[in-house]
Amino acid sequence: MYNIHIEDSSGVLSTLTFEPNETQNLMVFIVDALAEDIGDCRGRAWCGTCMVQQLKGACKINKIGDEQTILNKYPEYFNTRLACQIFLNADLHETTWKVLDSRQFM
């Protein structure tokens, strides 16, 4: 079992426990665990509505495919990723992420 800390869109910090590859990706895990309304494109890295910012931890995950194109639209935010492109694995243990749903910036 691993722990991950998620600050939801309301600013509430939750510690969640997961098993590697328990769900499709971090986006689905956040939606299921916290009832966040993110992921308009259903995990295709097209919309940015599942954008998260890494606040703490040593997790260094490379950006995948079109993800960087979406993230470039929000240069004021650093250490960002699309949760749909992050897979649940041991690298996420004890990291902290904040939900930054891009719809709030439009």
PDB file of N, CA and C in Angstrom:
ATOM      1  N   MET A   1       0.838  -1.183   0.000  1.00  0.00           N
ATOM      2  CA  MET A   1       0.000   0.000   0.000  1.00  0.00           C
ATOM      3  C   MET A   1       0.883   1.247   0.000  1.00  0.00           C
ATOM      4  N   TYR A   2       0.455   2.245  -0.773  1.00  0.00           N
ATOM      5  CA  TYR A   2       1.177   3.506  -0.872  1.00  0.00           C
ATOM      6  C   TYR A   2       0.224   4.650  -0.550  1.00  0.00           C
ATOM      7  N   ASN A   3       0.780   5.778  -0.126  1.00  0.00           N
ATOM      8  CA  ASN A   3      -0.008   6.971   0.181  1.00  0.00           C
ATOM      9  C   ASN A   3       0.301   8.068  -0.820  1.00  0.00           C
ATOM     10  N   ILE A   4      -0.737   8.811  -1.148  1.00  0.00           N
ATOM     11  CA  ILE A   4      -0.593  10.011  -1.973  1.00  0.00           C
ATOM     12  C   ILE A   4      -1.478  11.075  -1.341  1.00  0.00           C
ATOM     13  N   HIS A   5      -1.027  12.324  -1.394  1.00  0.00           N
ATOM     14  CA  HIS A   5      -1.760  13.430  -0.791  1.00  0.00           C
ATOM     15  C   HIS A   5      -2.294  14.305  -1.919  1.00  0.00           C
ATOM     16  N   ILE A   6      -3.592  14.560  -1.887  1.00  0.00           N
ATOM     17  CA  ILE A   6      -4.249  15.339  -2.935  1.00  0.00           C
ATOM     18  C   ILE A   6      -4.980  16.515  -2.305  1.00  0.00           C
ATOM     19  N   GLU A   7      -4.662  17.728  -2.787  1.00  0.00           N
ATOM     20  CA  GLU A   7      -5.424  18.913  -2.404  1.00  0.00           C
ATOM     21  C   GLU A   7      -6.469  19.117  -3.490  1.00  0.00           C
ATOM     22  N   ASP A   8      -7.734  19.003  -3.124  1.00  0.00           N
ATOM     23  CA  ASP A   8      -8.793  19.097  -4.130  1.00  0.00           C
ATOM     24  C   ASP A   8      -9.051  20.547  -4.530  1.00  0.00           C
ATOM     25  N   SER A   9      -9.978  20.740  -5.431  1.00  0.00           N
ATOM     26  CA  SER A   9     -10.254  22.075  -5.966  1.00  0.00           C
ATOM     27  C   SER A   9     -10.854  23.020  -4.928  1.00  0.00           C
ATOM     28  N   SER A  10     -11.282  22.490  -3.791  1.00  0.00           N
ATOM     29  CA  SER A  10     -11.792  23.319  -2.693  1.00  0.00           C
ATOM     30  C   SER A  10     -10.709  23.645  -1.674  1.00  0.00           C
ATOM     31  N   GLY A  11      -9.497  23.104  -1.884  1.00  0.00           N
ATOM     32  CA  GLY A  11      -8.396  23.356  -0.966  1.00  0.00           C
ATOM     33  C   GLY A  11      -8.279  22.363   0.173  1.00  0.00           C
ATOM     34  N   VAL A  12      -9.089  21.313   0.147  1.00  0.00           N
ATOM     35  CA  VAL A  12      -9.050  20.295   1.196  1.00  0.00           C
ATOM     36  C   VAL A  12      -7.975  19.263   0.857  1.00  0.00           C
ATOM     37  N   LEU A  13      -7.085  19.007   1.800  1.00  0.00           N
ATOM     38  CA  LEU A  13      -6.006  18.044   1.606  1.00  0.00           C
ATOM     39  C   LEU A  13      -6.429  16.686   2.142  1.00  0.00           C
ATOM     40  N   SER A  14      -6.341  15.667   1.307  1.00  0.00           N
ATOM     41  CA  SER A  14      -6.695  14.297   1.688  1.00  0.00           C
ATOM     42  C   SER A  14      -5.509  13.385   1.457  1.00  0.00           C
ATOM     43  N   THR A  15      -5.328  12.428   2.348  1.00  0.00           N
ATOM     44  CA  THR A  15      -4.328  11.386   2.168  1.00  0.00           C
ATOM     45  C   THR A  15      -5.071  10.141   1.711  1.00  0.00           C
ATOM     46  N   LEU A  16      -4.689   9.632   0.556  1.00  0.00           N
ATOM     47  CA  LEU A  16      -5.352   8.469  -0.033  1.00  0.00           C
ATOM     48  C   LEU A  16      -4.366   7.328  -0.151  1.00  0.00           C
ATOM     49  N   THR A  17      -4.858   6.119  -0.008  1.00  0.00           N
ATOM     50  CA  THR A  17      -4.035   4.918  -0.112  1.00  0.00           C
ATOM     51  C   THR A  17      -4.351   4.227  -1.428  1.00  0.00           C
ATOM     52  N   PHE A  18      -3.304   3.711  -2.078  1.00  0.00           N
ATOM     53  CA  PHE A  18      -3.519   3.028  -3.351  1.00  0.00           C
ATOM     54  C   PHE A  18      -2.555   1.858  -3.514  1.00  0.00           C
ATOM     55  N   GLU A  19      -2.929   0.981  -4.393  1.00  0.00           N
ATOM     56  CA  GLU A  19      -2.075  -0.115  -4.862  1.00  0.00           C
ATOM     57  C   GLU A  19      -1.608   0.259  -6.263  1.00  0.00           C
ATOM     58  N   PRO A  20      -0.390  -0.070  -6.656  1.00  0.00           N
ATOM     59  CA  PRO A  20       0.060   0.232  -8.017  1.00  0.00           C
ATOM     60  C   PRO A  20      -0.914  -0.320  -9.054  1.00  0.00           C
ATOM     61  N   ASN A  21      -1.164   0.502 -10.063  1.00  0.00           N
ATOM     62  CA  ASN A  21      -2.051   0.148 -11.173  1.00  0.00           C
ATOM     63  C   ASN A  21      -3.468  -0.202 -10.732  1.00  0.00           C
ATOM     64  N   GLU A  22      -3.870   0.356  -9.600  1.00  0.00           N
ATOM     65  CA  GLU A  22      -5.208   0.115  -9.058  1.00  0.00           C
ATOM     66  C   GLU A  22      -6.297   0.638  -9.994  1.00  0.00           C
ATOM     67  N   THR A  23      -6.026   1.771 -10.628  1.00  0.00           N
ATOM     68  CA  THR A  23      -6.955   2.351 -11.588  1.00  0.00           C
ATOM     69  C   THR A  23      -6.183   2.707 -12.853  1.00  0.00           C
ATOM     70  N   GLN A  24      -6.903   3.178 -13.837  1.00  0.00           N
ATOM     71  CA  GLN A  24      -6.317   3.512 -15.134  1.00  0.00           C
ATOM     72  C   GLN A  24      -5.212   4.553 -15.015  1.00  0.00           C
ATOM     73  N   ASN A  25      -5.437   5.595 -14.184  1.00  0.00           N
ATOM     74  CA  ASN A  25      -4.461   6.675 -14.032  1.00  0.00           C
ATOM     75  C   ASN A  25      -4.838   7.526 -12.820  1.00  0.00           C
ATOM     76  N   LEU A  26      -4.029   8.541 -12.532  1.00  0.00           N
ATOM     77  CA  LEU A  26      -4.281   9.397 -11.374  1.00  0.00           C
ATOM     78  C   LEU A  26      -5.594  10.160 -11.511  1.00  0.00           C
ATOM     79  N   MET A  27      -5.963  10.563 -12.717  1.00  0.00           N
ATOM     80  CA  MET A  27      -7.218  11.276 -12.924  1.00  0.00           C
ATOM     81  C   MET A  27      -8.410  10.439 -12.460  1.00  0.00           C
ATOM     82  N   VAL A  28      -8.482   9.204 -12.900  1.00  0.00           N
ATOM     83  CA  VAL A  28      -9.586   8.319 -12.526  1.00  0.00           C
ATOM     84  C   VAL A  28      -9.583   8.094 -11.014  1.00  0.00           C
ATOM     85  N   PHE A  29      -8.393   7.934 -10.456  1.00  0.00           N
ATOM     86  CA  PHE A  29      -8.274   7.738  -9.008  1.00  0.00           C
ATOM     87  C   PHE A  29      -8.831   8.944  -8.248  1.00  0.00           C
ATOM     88  N   ILE A  30      -8.488  10.154  -8.677  1.00  0.00           N
ATOM     89  CA  ILE A  30      -8.979  11.367  -8.027  1.00  0.00           C
ATOM     90  C   ILE A  30     -10.490  11.495  -8.187  1.00  0.00           C
ATOM     91  N   VAL A  31     -11.003  11.245  -9.374  1.00  0.00           N
ATOM     92  CA  VAL A  31     -12.451  11.315  -9.611  1.00  0.00           C
ATOM     93  C   VAL A  31     -13.180  10.324  -8.704  1.00  0.00           C
ATOM     94  N   ASP A  32     -12.694   9.094  -8.653  1.00  0.00           N
ATOM     95  CA  ASP A  32     -13.348   8.062  -7.842  1.00  0.00           C
ATOM     96  C   ASP A  32     -13.250   8.345  -6.343  1.00  0.00           C
ATOM     97  N   ALA A  33     -12.077   8.774  -5.884  1.00  0.00           N
ATOM     98  CA  ALA A  33     -11.851   8.949  -4.450  1.00  0.00           C
ATOM     99  C   ALA A  33     -12.413  10.259  -3.904  1.00  0.00           C
ATOM    100  N   LEU A  34     -12.370  11.324  -4.708  1.00  0.00           N
ATOM    101  CA  LEU A  34     -12.741  12.645  -4.201  1.00  0.00           C
ATOM    102  C   LEU A  34     -13.934  13.276  -4.913  1.00  0.00           C
ATOM    103  N   ALA A  35     -14.515  12.574  -5.858  1.00  0.00           N
ATOM    104  CA  ALA A  35     -15.672  13.066  -6.611  1.00  0.00           C
ATOM    105  C   ALA A  35     -15.388  14.397  -7.297  1.00  0.00           C
ATOM    106  N   GLU A  36     -14.142  14.591  -7.738  1.00  0.00           N
ATOM    107  CA  GLU A  36     -13.789  15.788  -8.495  1.00  0.00           C
ATOM    108  C   GLU A  36     -14.356  15.669  -9.910  1.00  0.00           C
ATOM    109  N   ASP A  37     -14.801  16.778 -10.454  1.00  0.00           N
ATOM    110  CA  ASP A  37     -15.353  16.807 -11.809  1.00  0.00           C
ATOM    111  C   ASP A  37     -14.253  17.259 -12.766  1.00  0.00           C
ATOM    112  N   ILE A  38     -13.325  16.357 -13.056  1.00  0.00           N
ATOM    113  CA  ILE A  38     -12.204  16.662 -13.945  1.00  0.00           C
ATOM    114  C   ILE A  38     -12.155  15.624 -15.055  1.00  0.00           C
ATOM    115  N   GLY A  39     -11.434  15.950 -16.117  1.00  0.00           N
ATOM    116  CA  GLY A  39     -11.233  14.982 -17.188  1.00  0.00           C
ATOM    117  C   GLY A  39     -12.270  15.046 -18.285  1.00  0.00           C
ATOM    118  N   ASP A  40     -12.550  16.247 -18.781  1.00  0.00           N
ATOM    119  CA  ASP A  40     -13.568  16.401 -19.825  1.00  0.00           C
ATOM    120  C   ASP A  40     -13.287  15.556 -21.068  1.00  0.00           C
ATOM    121  N   CYS A  41     -12.014  15.373 -21.436  1.00  0.00           N
ATOM    122  CA  CYS A  41     -11.688  14.622 -22.660  1.00  0.00           C
ATOM    123  C   CYS A  41     -11.507  13.130 -22.383  1.00  0.00           C
ATOM    124  N   ARG A  42     -11.805  12.718 -21.163  1.00  0.00           N
ATOM    125  CA  ARG A  42     -11.749  11.306 -20.766  1.00  0.00           C
ATOM    126  C   ARG A  42     -10.345  10.704 -20.871  1.00  0.00           C
ATOM    127  N   GLY A  43      -9.339  11.501 -20.535  1.00  0.00           N
ATOM    128  CA  GLY A  43      -7.988  10.978 -20.452  1.00  0.00           C
ATOM    129  C   GLY A  43      -7.190  10.974 -21.736  1.00  0.00           C
ATOM    130  N   ARG A  44      -7.544  11.814 -22.687  1.00  0.00           N
ATOM    131  CA  ARG A  44      -6.846  11.843 -23.979  1.00  0.00           C
ATOM    132  C   ARG A  44      -5.775  12.934 -24.063  1.00  0.00           C
ATOM    133  N   ALA A  45      -5.555  13.669 -22.958  1.00  0.00           N
ATOM    134  CA  ALA A  45      -4.557  14.754 -22.902  1.00  0.00           C
ATOM    135  C   ALA A  45      -4.870  15.864 -23.895  1.00  0.00           C
ATOM    136  N   TRP A  46      -6.154  16.164 -24.087  1.00  0.00           N
ATOM    137  CA  TRP A  46      -6.573  17.192 -25.032  1.00  0.00           C
ATOM    138  C   TRP A  46      -7.057  18.469 -24.355  1.00  0.00           C
ATOM    139  N   CYS A  47      -7.593  18.368 -23.123  1.00  0.00           N
ATOM    140  CA  CYS A  47      -8.336  19.504 -22.580  1.00  0.00           C
ATOM    141  C   CYS A  47      -7.668  20.238 -21.422  1.00  0.00           C
ATOM    142  N   GLY A  48      -6.886  19.572 -20.615  1.00  0.00           N
ATOM    143  CA  GLY A  48      -6.243  20.210 -19.477  1.00  0.00           C
ATOM    144  C   GLY A  48      -7.112  20.312 -18.239  1.00  0.00           C
ATOM    145  N   THR A  49      -8.305  19.752 -18.260  1.00  0.00           N
ATOM    146  CA  THR A  49      -9.180  19.871 -17.090  1.00  0.00           C
ATOM    147  C   THR A  49      -8.754  18.969 -15.935  1.00  0.00           C
ATOM    148  N   CYS A  50      -7.775  18.124 -16.146  1.00  0.00           N
ATOM    149  CA  CYS A  50      -7.263  17.280 -15.056  1.00  0.00           C
ATOM    150  C   CYS A  50      -5.849  17.702 -14.650  1.00  0.00           C
ATOM    151  N   MET A  51      -5.520  18.966 -14.889  1.00  0.00           N
ATOM    152  CA  MET A  51      -4.193  19.464 -14.569  1.00  0.00           C
ATOM    153  C   MET A  51      -3.965  19.420 -13.058  1.00  0.00           C
ATOM    154  N   VAL A  52      -2.807  18.913 -12.660  1.00  0.00           N
ATOM    155  CA  VAL A  52      -2.410  18.860 -11.262  1.00  0.00           C
ATOM    156  C   VAL A  52      -1.007  19.451 -11.131  1.00  0.00           C
ATOM    157  N   GLN A  53      -0.725  19.966  -9.947  1.00  0.00           N
ATOM    158  CA  GLN A  53       0.587  20.539  -9.667  1.00  0.00           C
ATOM    159  C   GLN A  53       1.218  19.749  -8.526  1.00  0.00           C
ATOM    160  N   GLN A  54       2.441  19.291  -8.749  1.00  0.00           N
ATOM    161  CA  GLN A  54       3.140  18.575  -7.700  1.00  0.00           C
ATOM    162  C   GLN A  54       3.678  19.581  -6.696  1.00  0.00           C
ATOM    163  N   LEU A  55       3.252  19.453  -5.439  1.00  0.00           N
ATOM    164  CA  LEU A  55       3.659  20.369  -4.386  1.00  0.00           C
ATOM    165  C   LEU A  55       4.825  19.835  -3.564  1.00  0.00           C
ATOM    166  N   LYS A  56       4.833  18.527  -3.323  1.00  0.00           N
ATOM    167  CA  LYS A  56       5.888  17.910  -2.513  1.00  0.00           C
ATOM    168  C   LYS A  56       6.200  16.525  -3.049  1.00  0.00           C
ATOM    169  N   GLY A  57       7.436  16.106  -2.828  1.00  0.00           N
ATOM    170  CA  GLY A  57       7.844  14.762  -3.203  1.00  0.00           C
ATOM    171  C   GLY A  57       8.932  14.779  -4.248  1.00  0.00           C
ATOM    172  N   ALA A  58       9.516  13.630  -4.446  1.00  0.00           N
ATOM    173  CA  ALA A  58      10.648  13.503  -5.360  1.00  0.00           C
ATOM    174  C   ALA A  58      10.265  12.861  -6.683  1.00  0.00           C
ATOM    175  N   CYS A  59       8.990  12.737  -6.954  1.00  0.00           N
ATOM    176  CA  CYS A  59       8.524  12.061  -8.170  1.00  0.00           C
ATOM    177  C   CYS A  59       8.876  12.870  -9.410  1.00  0.00           C
ATOM    178  N   LYS A  60       9.650  12.287 -10.282  1.00  0.00           N
ATOM    179  CA  LYS A  60      10.011  12.920 -11.554  1.00  0.00           C
ATOM    180  C   LYS A  60       9.473  12.034 -12.675  1.00  0.00           C
ATOM    181  N   ILE A  61       8.346  12.425 -13.229  1.00  0.00           N
ATOM    182  CA  ILE A  61       7.715  11.643 -14.286  1.00  0.00           C
ATOM    183  C   ILE A  61       7.790  12.446 -15.574  1.00  0.00           C
ATOM    184  N   ASN A  62       8.258  11.836 -16.638  1.00  0.00           N
ATOM    185  CA  ASN A  62       8.365  12.521 -17.920  1.00  0.00           C
ATOM    186  C   ASN A  62       6.986  12.767 -18.523  1.00  0.00           C
ATOM    187  N   LYS A  63       6.848  13.912 -19.147  1.00  0.00           N
ATOM    188  CA  LYS A  63       5.591  14.243 -19.814  1.00  0.00           C
ATOM    189  C   LYS A  63       5.441  13.361 -21.060  1.00  0.00           C
ATOM    190  N   ILE A  64       4.202  13.037 -21.364  1.00  0.00           N
ATOM    191  CA  ILE A  64       3.913  12.102 -22.445  1.00  0.00           C
ATOM    192  C   ILE A  64       3.203  12.821 -23.589  1.00  0.00           C
ATOM    193  N   GLY A  65       3.666  12.614 -24.819  1.00  0.00           N
ATOM    194  CA  GLY A  65       2.972  13.066 -26.025  1.00  0.00           C
ATOM    195  C   GLY A  65       2.538  14.511 -26.033  1.00  0.00           C
ATOM    196  N   ASP A  66       1.242  14.733 -26.254  1.00  0.00           N
ATOM    197  CA  ASP A  66       0.667  16.062 -26.397  1.00  0.00           C
ATOM    198  C   ASP A  66       0.489  16.785 -25.066  1.00  0.00           C
ATOM    199  N   GLU A  67       0.843  16.134 -23.985  1.00  0.00           N
ATOM    200  CA  GLU A  67       0.664  16.737 -22.669  1.00  0.00           C
ATOM    201  C   GLU A  67       1.383  18.084 -22.557  1.00  0.00           C
ATOM    202  N   GLN A  68       2.607  18.186 -23.036  1.00  0.00           N
ATOM    203  CA  GLN A  68       3.373  19.421 -22.919  1.00  0.00           C
ATOM    204  C   GLN A  68       2.710  20.572 -23.669  1.00  0.00           C
ATOM    205  N   THR A  69       2.068  20.291 -24.803  1.00  0.00           N
ATOM    206  CA  THR A  69       1.362  21.318 -25.572  1.00  0.00           C
ATOM    207  C   THR A  69       0.262  21.949 -24.728  1.00  0.00           C
ATOM    208  N   ILE A  70      -0.491  21.136 -24.016  1.00  0.00           N
ATOM    209  CA  ILE A  70      -1.558  21.639 -23.149  1.00  0.00           C
ATOM    210  C   ILE A  70      -0.956  22.443 -22.003  1.00  0.00           C
ATOM    211  N   LEU A  71       0.067  21.908 -21.362  1.00  0.00           N
ATOM    212  CA  LEU A  71       0.662  22.570 -20.198  1.00  0.00           C
ATOM    213  C   LEU A  71       1.331  23.892 -20.558  1.00  0.00           C
ATOM    214  N   ASN A  72       1.818  24.019 -21.787  1.00  0.00           N
ATOM    215  CA  ASN A  72       2.456  25.268 -22.228  1.00  0.00           C
ATOM    216  C   ASN A  72       1.480  26.450 -22.217  1.00  0.00           C
ATOM    217  N   LYS A  73       0.194  26.179 -22.216  1.00  0.00           N
ATOM    218  CA  LYS A  73      -0.810  27.237 -22.175  1.00  0.00           C
ATOM    219  C   LYS A  73      -0.870  27.915 -20.805  1.00  0.00           C
ATOM    220  N   TYR A  74      -0.241  27.302 -19.812  1.00  0.00           N
ATOM    221  CA  TYR A  74      -0.295  27.799 -18.435  1.00  0.00           C
ATOM    222  C   TYR A  74       1.116  27.914 -17.861  1.00  0.00           C
ATOM    223  N   PRO A  75       1.947  28.797 -18.453  1.00  0.00           N
ATOM    224  CA  PRO A  75       3.354  28.895 -18.031  1.00  0.00           C
ATOM    225  C   PRO A  75       3.543  29.413 -16.611  1.00  0.00           C
ATOM    226  N   GLU A  76       2.518  30.036 -16.047  1.00  0.00           N
ATOM    227  CA  GLU A  76       2.636  30.561 -14.689  1.00  0.00           C
ATOM    228  C   GLU A  76       2.612  29.464 -13.631  1.00  0.00           C
ATOM    229  N   TYR A  77       2.248  28.258 -14.028  1.00  0.00           N
ATOM    230  CA  TYR A  77       2.206  27.131 -13.097  1.00  0.00           C
ATOM    231  C   TYR A  77       3.383  26.205 -13.374  1.00  0.00           C
ATOM    232  N   PHE A  78       4.112  25.853 -12.340  1.00  0.00           N
ATOM    233  CA  PHE A  78       5.275  24.985 -12.480  1.00  0.00           C
ATOM    234  C   PHE A  78       4.973  23.616 -11.879  1.00  0.00           C
ATOM    235  N   ASN A  79       5.771  22.638 -12.236  1.00  0.00           N
ATOM    236  CA  ASN A  79       5.601  21.254 -11.767  1.00  0.00           C
ATOM    237  C   ASN A  79       4.197  20.727 -12.054  1.00  0.00           C
ATOM    238  N   THR A  80       3.671  21.060 -13.218  1.00  0.00           N
ATOM    239  CA  THR A  80       2.327  20.605 -13.557  1.00  0.00           C
ATOM    240  C   THR A  80       2.370  19.374 -14.450  1.00  0.00           C
ATOM    241  N   ARG A  81       1.297  18.628 -14.375  1.00  0.00           N
ATOM    242  CA  ARG A  81       1.090  17.438 -15.195  1.00  0.00           C
ATOM    243  C   ARG A  81      -0.393  17.321 -15.456  1.00  0.00           C
ATOM    244  N   LEU A  82      -0.741  16.482 -16.399  1.00  0.00           N
ATOM    245  CA  LEU A  82      -2.131  16.088 -16.592  1.00  0.00           C
ATOM    246  C   LEU A  82      -2.302  14.774 -15.849  1.00  0.00           C
ATOM    247  N   ALA A  83      -3.236  14.742 -14.924  1.00  0.00           N
ATOM    248  CA  ALA A  83      -3.430  13.542 -14.100  1.00  0.00           C
ATOM    249  C   ALA A  83      -3.772  12.323 -14.944  1.00  0.00           C
ATOM    250  N   CYS A  84      -4.352  12.539 -16.117  1.00  0.00           N
ATOM    251  CA  CYS A  84      -4.700  11.409 -16.989  1.00  0.00           C
ATOM    252  C   CYS A  84      -3.465  10.730 -17.570  1.00  0.00           C
ATOM    253  N   GLN A  85      -2.316  11.386 -17.480  1.00  0.00           N
ATOM    254  CA  GLN A  85      -1.083  10.832 -18.042  1.00  0.00           C
ATOM    255  C   GLN A  85      -0.142  10.294 -16.959  1.00  0.00           C
ATOM    256  N   ILE A  86      -0.614  10.244 -15.723  1.00  0.00           N
ATOM    257  CA  ILE A  86       0.193   9.735 -14.611  1.00  0.00           C
ATOM    258  C   ILE A  86      -0.386   8.401 -14.163  1.00  0.00           C
ATOM    259  N   PHE A  87       0.429   7.389 -14.163  1.00  0.00           N
ATOM    260  CA  PHE A  87      -0.002   6.058 -13.753  1.00  0.00           C
ATOM    261  C   PHE A  87       0.311   5.836 -12.280  1.00  0.00           C
ATOM    262  N   LEU A  88      -0.604   5.171 -11.577  1.00  0.00           N
ATOM    263  CA  LEU A  88      -0.398   4.903 -10.158  1.00  0.00           C
ATOM    264  C   LEU A  88       0.711   3.869 -10.001  1.00  0.00           C
ATOM    265  N   ASN A  89       1.812   4.287  -9.401  1.00  0.00           N
ATOM    266  CA  ASN A  89       2.904   3.359  -9.118  1.00  0.00           C
ATOM    267  C   ASN A  89       3.650   3.833  -7.881  1.00  0.00           C
ATOM    268  N   ALA A  90       4.634   3.082  -7.472  1.00  0.00           N
ATOM    269  CA  ALA A  90       5.379   3.365  -6.244  1.00  0.00           C
ATOM    270  C   ALA A  90       6.063   4.727  -6.270  1.00  0.00           C
ATOM    271  N   ASP A  91       6.353   5.271  -7.455  1.00  0.00           N
ATOM    272  CA  ASP A  91       6.998   6.584  -7.551  1.00  0.00           C
ATOM    273  C   ASP A  91       6.143   7.701  -6.956  1.00  0.00           C
ATOM    274  N   LEU A  92       4.846   7.484  -6.856  1.00  0.00           N
ATOM    275  CA  LEU A  92       3.938   8.504  -6.326  1.00  0.00           C
ATOM    276  C   LEU A  92       3.828   8.480  -4.805  1.00  0.00           C
ATOM    277  N   HIS A  93       4.428   7.478  -4.168  1.00  0.00           N
ATOM    278  CA  HIS A  93       4.318   7.320  -2.714  1.00  0.00           C
ATOM    279  C   HIS A  93       4.797   8.580  -1.988  1.00  0.00           C
ATOM    280  N   GLU A  94       3.938   9.084  -1.115  1.00  0.00           N
ATOM    281  CA  GLU A  94       4.210  10.255  -0.265  1.00  0.00           C
ATOM    282  C   GLU A  94       4.440  11.548  -1.058  1.00  0.00           C
ATOM    283  N   THR A  95       3.900  11.624  -2.268  1.00  0.00           N
ATOM    284  CA  THR A  95       3.928  12.885  -3.009  1.00  0.00           C
ATOM    285  C   THR A  95       2.630  13.637  -2.727  1.00  0.00           C
ATOM    286  N   THR A  96       2.663  14.953  -2.960  1.00  0.00           N
ATOM    287  CA  THR A  96       1.487  15.799  -2.749  1.00  0.00           C
ATOM    288  C   THR A  96       1.178  16.534  -4.046  1.00  0.00           C
ATOM    289  N   TRP A  97      -0.091  16.494  -4.447  1.00  0.00           N
ATOM    290  CA  TRP A  97      -0.548  17.089  -5.699  1.00  0.00           C
ATOM    291  C   TRP A  97      -1.754  17.965  -5.437  1.00  0.00           C
ATOM    292  N   LYS A  98      -1.857  19.059  -6.185  1.00  0.00           N
ATOM    293  CA  LYS A  98      -2.993  19.971  -6.089  1.00  0.00           C
ATOM    294  C   LYS A  98      -3.753  19.950  -7.407  1.00  0.00           C
ATOM    295  N   VAL A  99      -5.076  19.794  -7.340  1.00  0.00           N
ATOM    296  CA  VAL A  99      -5.918  19.815  -8.535  1.00  0.00           C
ATOM    297  C   VAL A  99      -6.013  21.260  -9.010  1.00  0.00           C
ATOM    298  N   LEU A 100      -5.643  21.485 -10.300  1.00  0.00           N
ATOM    299  CA  LEU A 100      -5.639  22.828 -10.874  1.00  0.00           C
ATOM    300  C   LEU A 100      -6.562  22.950 -12.084  1.00  0.00           C
ATOM    301  N   ASP A 101      -7.566  22.168 -12.190  1.00  0.00           N
ATOM    302  CA  ASP A 101      -8.525  22.180 -13.299  1.00  0.00           C
ATOM    303  C   ASP A 101      -8.418  23.455 -14.136  1.00  0.00           C
ATOM    304  N   SER A 102      -7.995  23.327 -15.393  1.00  0.00           N
ATOM    305  CA  SER A 102      -7.753  24.488 -16.258  1.00  0.00           C
ATOM    306  C   SER A 102      -9.008  25.311 -16.524  1.00  0.00           C
ATOM    307  N   ARG A 103     -10.180  24.783 -16.300  1.00  0.00           N
ATOM    308  CA  ARG A 103     -11.419  25.556 -16.520  1.00  0.00           C
ATOM    309  C   ARG A 103     -11.475  26.779 -15.607  1.00  0.00           C
ATOM    310  N   GLN A 104     -10.781  26.730 -14.488  1.00  0.00           N
ATOM    311  CA  GLN A 104     -10.795  27.874 -13.565  1.00  0.00           C
ATOM    312  C   GLN A 104      -9.948  29.038 -14.086  1.00  0.00           C
ATOM    313  N   PHE A 105      -9.132  28.813 -15.126  1.00  0.00           N
ATOM    314  CA  PHE A 105      -8.280  29.854 -15.670  1.00  0.00           C
ATOM    315  C   PHE A 105      -8.862  30.496 -16.916  1.00  0.00           C
ATOM    316  N   MET A 106      -9.973  29.996 -17.399  1.00  0.00           N
ATOM    317  CA  MET A 106     -10.562  30.476 -18.647  1.00  0.00           C
ATOM    318  C   MET A 106     -11.430  31.693 -18.420  1.00  0.00           C
TER     319      MET A 106
END
